[in-house]
Protein backbone atom coordinates (compact mmCIF):
# COMPACT_ATOMS: atom_id res chain seq x y z
CA MET A 1 -0.44 0.24 -0.02
CA LEU A 2 2.82 2.56 1.03
CA VAL A 3 4.61 1.74 -2.25
CA ILE A 4 1.73 2.53 -3.88
CA PHE A 5 0.98 5.81 -2.45
CA GLY A 6 4.66 6.28 -2.96
CA ILE A 7 3.84 5.78 -7.03
CA ILE A 8 0.81 7.99 -6.96
CA VAL A 9 3.23 11.01 -5.26
CA ALA A 10 5.99 10.38 -7.47
CA TYR A 11 3.35 10.63 -10.62
CA ILE A 12 2.22 13.94 -8.88
CA GLU A 13 5.53 15.27 -9.13
CA THR A 14 6.15 15.01 -12.59
CA VAL A 15 2.84 16.47 -13.30
CA TYR A 16 3.86 19.34 -11.29
CA SER A 17 7.04 19.56 -12.66
CA VAL A 18 5.53 19.67 -16.03
CA LEU A 19 2.96 22.00 -15.03
CA LYS A 20 5.95 24.37 -13.63
CA ILE A 21 7.74 24.82 -17.09
CA PHE A 22 4.76 25.21 -18.51
CA GLY A 23 4.10 28.58 -16.25
CA ILE A 24 1.07 26.55 -15.00
CA GLY A 25 2.70 25.66 -11.26
CA ALA A 26 1.25 27.42 -8.35
CA GLU A 27 4.75 27.86 -6.62
CA GLU A 28 4.09 30.91 -4.83
CA LEU A 29 1.14 29.80 -2.72
CA LEU A 30 3.28 27.49 -0.26
CA ILE A 31 6.59 29.78 0.08
CA PHE A 32 8.50 28.99 3.19
CA GLY A 33 11.24 31.61 3.56
CA SER A 34 12.36 31.47 0.18
CA VAL A 35 11.76 27.73 0.06
CA PRO A 36 8.47 26.54 -2.15
CA LEU A 37 7.13 24.28 0.21
CA ILE A 38 5.70 22.06 -2.85
CA SER A 39 8.69 21.24 -4.40
CA PHE A 40 10.44 20.22 -1.01
CA ILE A 41 7.42 18.78 0.21
CA LEU A 42 6.55 16.01 -3.05
CA PRO A 43 9.65 14.69 -3.02
CA LEU A 44 10.45 13.92 0.85
CA MET A 45 6.49 12.58 0.93
CA ARG A 46 8.08 10.23 -2.50
CA MET A 47 10.97 8.58 -0.20
CA LEU A 48 9.33 8.60 3.19
CA PHE A 49 6.63 6.53 1.87
CA PHE A 50 8.91 3.84 0.25
CA ILE A 51 11.60 3.80 3.10
CA SER A 52 9.04 2.80 4.97
CA ALA A 53 7.69 0.44 2.89
CA PHE A 54 10.88 -1.20 2.44
CA VAL A 55 11.15 -0.93 6.79
CA ILE A 56 7.97 -3.33 6.69
CA MET A 57 8.64 -5.68 4.73
CA ILE A 58 12.26 -6.04 5.85
CA TYR A 59 10.12 -6.23 9.48
CA LYS A 60 8.11 -8.63 8.58
CA GLN A 61 10.39 -10.71 6.77
CA SER A 62 12.62 -11.29 9.62
CA ARG A 63 9.33 -12.26 12.23
CA LYS A 64 9.31 -15.29 10.29
């Protein structure tokens, strides 16, 4: 389930990047300091979903 969420977030990140290239992205909506939060949060969420799925898989394999 977490891998699927990671893939969905990766797709959203790709779509957002393409929209940003075309100038349609809403990057100025959420800005913390000088860092746009959307550009920071999307890759972070993707990696967190994949890492947590990997940790859960290792935990389940080690219990057997």
